[in-house]
């Protein structure tokens, strides 16, 4: 719990109270906790007579969760967020989800070097897009 609280930038007693059903967290606190846990917070609104959609979360492989807690992943996610004008916490959750979905396409468990290659490819495309808009790519 202490590691999650530290990763989220929240105090341990605050997180402990939330875990025990005490307190009313802000959406920001929930989003920070979700990011610290390697996932993202999704909030939606629906009419009373409309059934809530069933989310289809992607389960994050343990190796990806570990990678998501590293300084390099956080730095790369922040770089990508800044380059694309996106919110860092939101992009981090979506990035982890996208990586997990990409791994499902391979049909095997990916290792940390595999995850890093995928992350490097996303950085290359997001931060250094192909020059020459309108030109065909090789």
Foldseek 3Di string as FASTA:
>chain_A
DCQLCVQLVHDPVVVVCVVVVHDDDDQSSVLSSQLSQQAGDDDDDDDPVDDDDDDDAQDQDPQLSVVSNDPVVLVLLVLLCVLQVHDSSVSRNVVRRVLSVVVVVVVDDDHPVVSVVVSVVSSCCRNPNDPDPPDDDD
